[in-house]
Amino acid sequence: MWTNLCKTSEIKDGEGKVVETPSTPVALFKTGGKIYALLNTCPHRGGPLGEGSLDSDRVTCPWHAWEFDVTTGKCLTMEGAQQTRYPTKVENGEVFVDL
């Protein structure tokens, strides 16, 4: 179900934003003008990925430095680990995520 989470202007390029929904915490990332969404809870120890540092398409969890590709959800630190990624779309300046 597509859910409107915020305005595109609320996310700066090269940064993340945490949005709490009734069903799940979502981390939004804007890189290269595109917006990506991951489950905000790191699979390692539950760290808030949306508060991590974003370098190009790589976010680093602020708790234990696990790194994830925000475009795919693939963990770059632990082989085989994967973070839940949600499809996104932008319409009329609003960010929608398929939760």
Protein backbone atom coordinates (compact mmCIF):
# COMPACT_ATOMS: atom_id res chain seq x y z
CA MET A 1 0.00 0.00 0.00
CA TRP A 2 1.50 3.33 -1.09
CA THR A 3 1.86 5.66 1.89
CA ASN A 4 2.68 9.37 1.76
CA LEU A 5 5.58 9.90 4.17
CA CYS A 6 6.80 13.46 3.60
CA LYS A 7 7.56 16.23 1.13
CA THR A 8 10.65 15.84 -1.06
CA SER A 9 11.89 19.18 0.31
CA GLU A 10 12.17 17.59 3.77
CA ILE A 11 15.05 15.36 2.64
CA LYS A 12 18.35 16.98 1.68
CA ASP A 13 20.56 15.29 -0.90
CA GLY A 14 23.21 13.23 0.87
CA GLU A 15 21.19 12.80 4.06
CA GLY A 16 18.68 10.47 5.66
CA LYS A 17 15.35 11.05 7.39
CA VAL A 18 13.50 8.78 9.80
CA VAL A 19 9.73 8.52 9.44
CA GLU A 20 7.63 6.55 11.92
CA THR A 21 4.57 4.91 10.40
CA PRO A 22 1.90 2.93 12.26
CA SER A 23 3.37 -0.31 10.92
CA THR A 24 7.13 0.25 10.66
CA PRO A 25 9.96 2.76 11.09
CA VAL A 26 11.30 3.83 7.69
CA ALA A 27 14.63 5.43 6.82
CA LEU A 28 14.50 7.62 3.70
CA PHE A 29 17.71 8.53 1.89
CA LYS A 30 18.26 11.01 -0.91
CA THR A 31 21.30 10.50 -3.09
CA GLY A 32 21.88 11.65 -6.64
CA GLY A 33 18.46 13.29 -6.60
CA LYS A 34 16.69 9.95 -6.02
CA ILE A 35 14.95 8.81 -2.85
CA TYR A 36 15.31 5.31 -1.39
CA ALA A 37 13.64 3.68 1.61
CA LEU A 38 14.92 1.03 3.99
CA LEU A 39 13.59 -0.45 7.19
CA ASN A 40 15.09 1.89 9.81
CA THR A 41 16.15 -0.92 12.15
CA CYS A 42 19.62 -2.36 11.41
CA PRO A 43 19.51 -6.18 11.37
CA HIS A 44 22.71 -6.36 13.42
CA ARG A 45 21.62 -4.82 16.72
CA GLY A 46 18.65 -2.61 15.86
CA GLY A 47 20.51 0.64 15.25
CA PRO A 48 18.66 3.53 13.57
CA LEU A 49 19.93 3.49 9.98
CA GLY A 50 18.24 6.80 9.16
CA GLU A 51 20.53 8.50 11.65
CA GLY A 52 23.64 7.03 10.04
CA SER A 53 26.03 8.82 7.72
CA LEU A 54 25.31 8.64 3.99
CA ASP A 55 28.18 8.59 1.51
CA SER A 56 26.88 8.39 -2.05
CA ASP A 57 24.67 5.27 -1.96
CA ARG A 58 26.19 3.79 1.23
CA VAL A 59 24.72 4.34 4.70
CA THR A 60 26.70 3.45 7.83
CA CYS A 61 24.76 2.42 10.92
CA PRO A 62 25.63 4.80 13.77
CA TRP A 63 25.77 2.01 16.38
CA HIS A 64 28.23 -0.57 15.01
CA ALA A 65 29.24 0.73 11.57
CA TRP A 66 27.50 -1.89 9.42
CA GLU A 67 27.18 -0.48 5.91
CA PHE A 68 24.29 -0.89 3.49
CA ASP A 69 23.69 0.03 -0.14
CA VAL A 70 20.54 2.17 0.04
CA THR A 71 19.63 1.35 -3.57
CA THR A 72 19.45 -2.42 -2.97
CA GLY A 73 19.44 -2.99 0.81
CA LYS A 74 22.50 -5.23 0.47
CA CYS A 75 24.80 -5.25 3.49
CA LEU A 76 28.34 -4.33 2.51
CA THR A 77 29.83 -5.34 5.86
CA MET A 78 28.44 -8.84 6.44
CA GLU A 79 28.18 -11.12 3.43
CA GLY A 80 24.68 -12.46 2.91
CA ALA A 81 22.96 -9.90 5.14
CA GLN A 82 20.18 -7.88 3.56
CA GLN A 83 18.10 -4.96 4.77
CA THR A 84 14.43 -4.62 3.84
CA ARG A 85 14.04 -2.08 1.04
CA TYR A 86 10.76 -0.46 0.05
CA PRO A 87 9.79 0.88 -3.40
CA THR A 88 9.45 4.66 -3.54
CA LYS A 89 7.84 7.15 -5.88
CA VAL A 90 7.54 10.92 -5.98
CA GLU A 91 4.35 12.65 -7.05
CA ASN A 92 3.67 16.38 -6.86
CA GLY A 93 6.59 16.93 -4.49
CA GLU A 94 5.47 14.18 -2.07
CA VAL A 95 7.36 10.99 -1.22
CA PHE A 96 5.36 7.75 -1.27
CA VAL A 97 6.64 4.39 -0.05
CA ASP A 98 5.04 1.00 -0.75
CA LEU A 99 4.88 -0.56 2.73
